[in-house]
Amino acid sequence: MRRTAILIGGIAVLALLLTPATGTAHGGVRAAAQQQPSDSPAVNARGRELYQNACASCHGPDPAGPSYYPRVPSLKDTGGAAAVNWVLRTGRMPWKDNKGPAIERGEPRFNDKDIHALVVYIGEAVGDAQLPQVDPALGNLQRGRQLYGQACAACHGMNGAGAALGGQNIAVSLQNVHPQDVA
């Protein structure tokens, strides 16, 4: 029962996210708003300090500039504050090791305050500081289920439990995932 409720919530979030931010959801409710983190200079300075200590060795000294390695993307091309928020909160970055997949989920290496500082600093540096505001209650469940079935179920399974894709690839479970992660 709990897994079904989580899946339904995820589907509602998907519907919410795939409705344009300037449009409206079913029934005239605004589907998604954008939050732009605007914080004090101290938060930005803390984010810069954290970036220089934990990120710059691979991504380069300027988040909007080139990275040091050909296989490491410049942060200006990765999705801005929302992408930084996701990789830090889900423990995918900073990379645990210089071997193996960098996108593996793990325990976050920063606390919420430091993640926020990095998101603010990098988002502003790359010119994309917006974070999606997620409210699963505003989603359209039928539309979300349809979109999930079309775009997600082939890998994650119709129940969101994840599945083996072949080779060494596995689609992770979407159960117990925070709505912000889906966003």
C-alpha atoms as a PDB file:
ATOM      1  CA  MET A   1       0.000   0.000   0.000  1.00  0.00           C
ATOM      2  CA  ARG A   2       2.800   2.423   0.926  1.00  0.00           C
ATOM      3  CA  ARG A   3       4.642   1.747  -2.340  1.00  0.00           C
ATOM      4  CA  THR A   4       1.467   2.400  -4.317  1.00  0.00           C
ATOM      5  CA  ALA A   5       0.969   5.709  -2.515  1.00  0.00           C
ATOM      6  CA  ILE A   6       4.573   6.712  -3.224  1.00  0.00           C
ATOM      7  CA  LEU A   7       4.222   5.749  -6.890  1.00  0.00           C
ATOM      8  CA  ILE A   8       1.006   7.737  -7.206  1.00  0.00           C
ATOM      9  CA  GLY A   9       2.747  10.716  -5.602  1.00  0.00           C
ATOM     10  CA  GLY A  10       5.625  10.346  -8.076  1.00  0.00           C
ATOM     11  CA  ILE A  11       3.216  10.201 -10.988  1.00  0.00           C
ATOM     12  CA  ALA A  12       1.487  13.339  -9.727  1.00  0.00           C
ATOM     13  CA  VAL A  13       4.862  15.087  -9.467  1.00  0.00           C
ATOM     14  CA  LEU A  14       5.729  14.013 -13.011  1.00  0.00           C
ATOM     15  CA  ALA A  15       2.451  15.443 -14.277  1.00  0.00           C
ATOM     16  CA  LEU A  16       3.140  18.640 -12.392  1.00  0.00           C
ATOM     17  CA  LEU A  17       6.628  18.949 -13.801  1.00  0.00           C
ATOM     18  CA  LEU A  18       5.678  18.254 -17.372  1.00  0.00           C
ATOM     19  CA  THR A  19       3.009  20.956 -17.322  1.00  0.00           C
ATOM     20  CA  PRO A  20       4.617  24.202 -18.454  1.00  0.00           C
ATOM     21  CA  ALA A  21       5.434  26.585 -15.610  1.00  0.00           C
ATOM     22  CA  THR A  22       3.542  29.380 -17.324  1.00  0.00           C
ATOM     23  CA  GLY A  23       0.456  27.293 -17.970  1.00  0.00           C
ATOM     24  CA  THR A  24      -2.096  25.885 -15.638  1.00  0.00           C
ATOM     25  CA  ALA A  25      -2.836  22.427 -14.423  1.00  0.00           C
ATOM     26  CA  HIS A  26      -6.239  20.805 -14.703  1.00  0.00           C
ATOM     27  CA  GLY A  27      -8.818  23.016 -13.014  1.00  0.00           C
ATOM     28  CA  GLY A  28      -6.930  26.289 -13.430  1.00  0.00           C
ATOM     29  CA  VAL A  29      -4.397  25.735 -10.656  1.00  0.00           C
ATOM     30  CA  ARG A  30      -0.920  26.999 -11.487  1.00  0.00           C
ATOM     31  CA  ALA A  31       1.105  23.823 -11.993  1.00  0.00           C
ATOM     32  CA  ALA A  32       4.654  24.907 -11.236  1.00  0.00           C
ATOM     33  CA  ALA A  33       6.375  28.014 -10.061  1.00  0.00           C
ATOM     34  CA  GLN A  34      10.058  28.672 -10.205  1.00  0.00           C
ATOM     35  CA  GLN A  35      12.030  29.569  -7.127  1.00  0.00           C
ATOM     36  CA  GLN A  36      15.130  31.595  -7.554  1.00  0.00           C
ATOM     37  CA  PRO A  37      17.420  31.337  -4.562  1.00  0.00           C
ATOM     38  CA  SER A  38      18.516  34.850  -3.718  1.00  0.00           C
ATOM     39  CA  ASP A  39      20.558  34.906  -0.587  1.00  0.00           C
ATOM     40  CA  SER A  40      22.979  37.017   1.315  1.00  0.00           C
ATOM     41  CA  PRO A  41      26.507  37.674   0.142  1.00  0.00           C
ATOM     42  CA  ALA A  42      27.670  35.410   3.000  1.00  0.00           C
ATOM     43  CA  VAL A  43      25.792  32.423   1.531  1.00  0.00           C
ATOM     44  CA  ASN A  44      27.255  33.130  -1.906  1.00  0.00           C
ATOM     45  CA  ALA A  45      30.752  33.442  -0.405  1.00  0.00           C
ATOM     46  CA  ARG A  46      30.313  30.143   1.455  1.00  0.00           C
ATOM     47  CA  GLY A  47      29.201  28.507  -1.794  1.00  0.00           C
ATOM     48  CA  ARG A  48      32.250  29.879  -3.597  1.00  0.00           C
ATOM     49  CA  GLU A  49      34.546  28.581  -0.849  1.00  0.00           C
ATOM     50  CA  LEU A  50      32.943  25.119  -0.966  1.00  0.00           C
ATOM     51  CA  TYR A  51      33.108  25.087  -4.772  1.00  0.00           C
ATOM     52  CA  GLN A  52      36.800  25.961  -4.810  1.00  0.00           C
ATOM     53  CA  ASN A  53      37.568  23.260  -2.209  1.00  0.00           C
ATOM     54  CA  ALA A  54      35.366  20.420  -3.489  1.00  0.00           C
ATOM     55  CA  CYS A  55      34.451  21.041  -7.129  1.00  0.00           C
ATOM     56  CA  ALA A  56      37.036  23.198  -8.874  1.00  0.00           C
ATOM     57  CA  SER A  57      39.674  20.458  -9.084  1.00  0.00           C
ATOM     58  CA  CYS A  58      37.568  18.769 -11.779  1.00  0.00           C
ATOM     59  CA  HIS A  59      35.075  21.393 -13.003  1.00  0.00           C
ATOM     60  CA  GLY A  60      37.586  24.264 -13.121  1.00  0.00           C
ATOM     61  CA  PRO A  61      37.865  27.424 -11.010  1.00  0.00           C
ATOM     62  CA  ASP A  62      34.898  29.112 -12.719  1.00  0.00           C
ATOM     63  CA  PRO A  63      31.633  27.119 -12.706  1.00  0.00           C
ATOM     64  CA  ALA A  64      30.708  28.728 -16.027  1.00  0.00           C
ATOM     65  CA  GLY A  65      34.109  28.075 -17.552  1.00  0.00           C
ATOM     66  CA  PRO A  66      35.712  24.974 -19.014  1.00  0.00           C
ATOM     67  CA  SER A  67      36.416  21.934 -16.862  1.00  0.00           C
ATOM     68  CA  TYR A  68      39.871  20.476 -16.449  1.00  0.00           C
ATOM     69  CA  TYR A  69      39.026  17.095 -17.982  1.00  0.00           C
ATOM     70  CA  PRO A  70      37.392  16.250 -21.328  1.00  0.00           C
ATOM     71  CA  ARG A  71      34.870  13.859 -19.735  1.00  0.00           C
ATOM     72  CA  VAL A  72      33.864  16.288 -16.968  1.00  0.00           C
ATOM     73  CA  PRO A  73      31.183  18.736 -18.093  1.00  0.00           C
ATOM     74  CA  SER A  74      31.334  22.445 -17.538  1.00  0.00           C
ATOM     75  CA  LEU A  75      28.602  23.301 -15.056  1.00  0.00           C
ATOM     76  CA  LYS A  76      27.172  25.899 -17.442  1.00  0.00           C
ATOM     77  CA  ASP A  77      25.958  22.983 -19.588  1.00  0.00           C
ATOM     78  CA  THR A  78      24.490  20.705 -16.908  1.00  0.00           C
ATOM     79  CA  GLY A  79      21.209  22.288 -15.848  1.00  0.00           C
ATOM     80  CA  GLY A  80      22.127  25.042 -13.416  1.00  0.00           C
ATOM     81  CA  ALA A  81      20.946  25.220  -9.821  1.00  0.00           C
ATOM     82  CA  ALA A  82      18.374  22.434 -10.207  1.00  0.00           C
ATOM     83  CA  ALA A  83      20.975  19.945 -11.461  1.00  0.00           C
ATOM     84  CA  VAL A  84      23.487  20.947  -8.783  1.00  0.00           C
ATOM     85  CA  ASN A  85      20.802  20.587  -6.121  1.00  0.00           C
ATOM     86  CA  TRP A  86      19.940  17.091  -7.391  1.00  0.00           C
ATOM     87  CA  VAL A  87      23.482  15.703  -7.635  1.00  0.00           C
ATOM     88  CA  LEU A  88      24.472  17.035  -4.232  1.00  0.00           C
ATOM     89  CA  ARG A  89      21.300  15.976  -2.368  1.00  0.00           C
ATOM     90  CA  THR A  90      21.386  12.485  -3.856  1.00  0.00           C
ATOM     91  CA  GLY A  91      25.087  11.990  -3.104  1.00  0.00           C
ATOM     92  CA  ARG A  92      26.098  11.680  -6.748  1.00  0.00           C
ATOM     93  CA  MET A  93      28.633  14.462  -6.357  1.00  0.00           C
ATOM     94  CA  PRO A  94      31.280  15.059  -5.312  1.00  0.00           C
ATOM     95  CA  TRP A  95      32.442  11.897  -6.994  1.00  0.00           C
ATOM     96  CA  LYS A  96      33.541   9.291  -4.457  1.00  0.00           C
ATOM     97  CA  ASP A  97      36.401   7.901  -6.496  1.00  0.00           C
ATOM     98  CA  ASN A  98      38.241   8.546  -9.743  1.00  0.00           C
ATOM     99  CA  LYS A  99      37.150   5.141 -11.062  1.00  0.00           C
ATOM    100  CA  GLY A 100      33.676   3.867 -11.803  1.00  0.00           C
ATOM    101  CA  PRO A 101      30.380   5.601 -12.565  1.00  0.00           C
ATOM    102  CA  ALA A 102      30.034   9.141 -11.276  1.00  0.00           C
ATOM    103  CA  ILE A 103      26.247   9.106 -11.337  1.00  0.00           C
ATOM    104  CA  GLU A 104      25.828   6.461  -8.625  1.00  0.00           C
ATOM    105  CA  ARG A 105      23.529   7.471  -5.783  1.00  0.00           C
ATOM    106  CA  GLY A 106      25.138   7.677  -2.343  1.00  0.00           C
ATOM    107  CA  GLU A 107      24.967   9.512   0.928  1.00  0.00           C
ATOM    108  CA  PRO A 108      25.189  13.306   0.559  1.00  0.00           C
ATOM    109  CA  ARG A 109      28.620  14.634   1.452  1.00  0.00           C
ATOM    110  CA  PHE A 110      27.363  18.080   2.383  1.00  0.00           C
ATOM    111  CA  ASN A 111      24.747  19.158   4.907  1.00  0.00           C
ATOM    112  CA  ASP A 112      21.613  21.018   3.753  1.00  0.00           C
ATOM    113  CA  LYS A 113      23.090  24.437   4.534  1.00  0.00           C
ATOM    114  CA  ASP A 114      26.218  23.789   2.459  1.00  0.00           C
ATOM    115  CA  ILE A 115      24.197  22.270  -0.393  1.00  0.00           C
ATOM    116  CA  HIS A 116      22.080  25.416  -0.426  1.00  0.00           C
ATOM    117  CA  ALA A 117      25.203  27.602  -0.519  1.00  0.00           C
ATOM    118  CA  LEU A 118      26.655  25.621  -3.443  1.00  0.00           C
ATOM    119  CA  VAL A 119      23.329  25.723  -5.319  1.00  0.00           C
ATOM    120  CA  VAL A 120      23.111  29.504  -4.883  1.00  0.00           C
ATOM    121  CA  TYR A 121      26.714  30.139  -5.899  1.00  0.00           C
ATOM    122  CA  ILE A 122      26.825  27.810  -8.905  1.00  0.00           C
ATOM    123  CA  GLY A 123      23.305  28.733 -10.070  1.00  0.00           C
ATOM    124  CA  GLU A 124      24.174  32.422 -10.102  1.00  0.00           C
ATOM    125  CA  ALA A 125      27.601  31.785 -11.664  1.00  0.00           C
ATOM    126  CA  VAL A 126      26.167  29.843 -14.615  1.00  0.00           C
ATOM    127  CA  GLY A 127      23.117  32.100 -15.058  1.00  0.00           C
ATOM    128  CA  ASP A 128      20.507  29.471 -14.158  1.00  0.00           C
ATOM    129  CA  ALA A 129      19.601  29.889 -10.487  1.00  0.00           C
ATOM    130  CA  GLN A 130      16.015  28.658 -10.691  1.00  0.00           C
ATOM    131  CA  LEU A 131      14.766  25.675  -8.721  1.00  0.00           C
ATOM    132  CA  PRO A 132      11.385  24.091  -9.424  1.00  0.00           C
ATOM    133  CA  GLN A 133       8.737  24.456  -6.738  1.00  0.00           C
ATOM    134  CA  VAL A 134       7.176  21.040  -6.380  1.00  0.00           C
ATOM    135  CA  ASP A 135       3.713  20.464  -4.937  1.00  0.00           C
ATOM    136  CA  PRO A 136       2.464  16.950  -5.760  1.00  0.00           C
ATOM    137  CA  ALA A 137      -1.048  17.989  -4.689  1.00  0.00           C
ATOM    138  CA  LEU A 138      -1.258  20.262  -7.739  1.00  0.00           C
ATOM    139  CA  GLY A 139      -0.467  17.475 -10.224  1.00  0.00           C
ATOM    140  CA  ASN A 140      -2.946  15.764 -12.542  1.00  0.00           C
ATOM    141  CA  LEU A 141      -2.857  12.076 -11.610  1.00  0.00           C
ATOM    142  CA  GLN A 142      -4.299  10.734 -14.878  1.00  0.00           C
ATOM    143  CA  ARG A 143      -1.966  12.830 -17.016  1.00  0.00           C
ATOM    144  CA  GLY A 144       0.996  11.904 -14.818  1.00  0.00           C
ATOM    145  CA  ARG A 145       0.230   8.191 -15.139  1.00  0.00           C
ATOM    146  CA  GLN A 146      -0.032   8.536 -18.917  1.00  0.00           C
ATOM    147  CA  LEU A 147       3.274  10.425 -19.152  1.00  0.00           C
ATOM    148  CA  TYR A 148       4.999   8.016 -16.766  1.00  0.00           C
ATOM    149  CA  GLY A 149       3.784   5.076 -18.852  1.00  0.00           C
ATOM    150  CA  GLN A 150       5.137   6.695 -22.022  1.00  0.00           C
ATOM    151  CA  ALA A 151       8.442   8.032 -20.773  1.00  0.00           C
ATOM    152  CA  CYS A 152       9.503   6.216 -17.595  1.00  0.00           C
ATOM    153  CA  ALA A 153       7.885   2.794 -17.150  1.00  0.00           C
ATOM    154  CA  ALA A 154       9.994   1.041 -19.784  1.00  0.00           C
ATOM    155  CA  CYS A 155      13.026   1.374 -17.526  1.00  0.00           C
ATOM    156  CA  HIS A 156      11.691   1.990 -14.026  1.00  0.00           C
ATOM    157  CA  GLY A 157       8.747  -0.411 -14.285  1.00  0.00           C
ATOM    158  CA  MET A 158       5.084   0.541 -14.114  1.00  0.00           C
ATOM    159  CA  ASN A 159       5.207   0.318 -10.322  1.00  0.00           C
ATOM    160  CA  GLY A 160       8.369   2.468 -10.100  1.00  0.00           C
ATOM    161  CA  ALA A 161      10.400  -0.294  -8.411  1.00  0.00           C
ATOM    162  CA  GLY A 162      13.261  -0.125 -10.947  1.00  0.00           C
ATOM    163  CA  ALA A 163      14.557  -2.886 -13.172  1.00  0.00           C
ATOM    164  CA  ALA A 164      17.645  -4.397 -14.753  1.00  0.00           C
ATOM    165  CA  LEU A 165      18.160  -2.989 -18.240  1.00  0.00           C
ATOM    166  CA  GLY A 166      20.865  -5.357 -19.446  1.00  0.00           C
ATOM    167  CA  GLY A 167      24.603  -5.203 -19.372  1.00  0.00           C
ATOM    168  CA  GLN A 168      25.449  -3.591 -16.066  1.00  0.00           C
ATOM    169  CA  ASN A 169      22.743  -0.955 -16.340  1.00  0.00           C
ATOM    170  CA  ILE A 170      19.994  -0.752 -13.743  1.00  0.00           C
ATOM    171  CA  ALA A 171      17.131   1.720 -13.623  1.00  0.00           C
ATOM    172  CA  VAL A 172      16.877   2.742  -9.982  1.00  0.00           C
ATOM    173  CA  SER A 173      13.704   2.547  -7.953  1.00  0.00           C
ATOM    174  CA  LEU A 174      11.618   5.698  -7.883  1.00  0.00           C
ATOM    175  CA  GLN A 175       9.969   4.644  -4.650  1.00  0.00           C
ATOM    176  CA  ASN A 176      10.878   6.702  -1.587  1.00  0.00           C
ATOM    177  CA  VAL A 177      12.263   9.428  -3.848  1.00  0.00           C
ATOM    178  CA  HIS A 178      11.761  13.035  -2.834  1.00  0.00           C
ATOM    179  CA  PRO A 179       9.545  15.008  -5.260  1.00  0.00           C
ATOM    180  CA  GLN A 180      12.396  17.505  -5.736  1.00  0.00           C
ATOM    181  CA  ASP A 181      14.549  14.633  -7.095  1.00  0.00           C
ATOM    182  CA  VAL A 182      11.944  13.903  -9.756  1.00  0.00           C
ATOM    183  CA  ALA A 183      11.805  17.591 -10.614  1.00  0.00           C
END
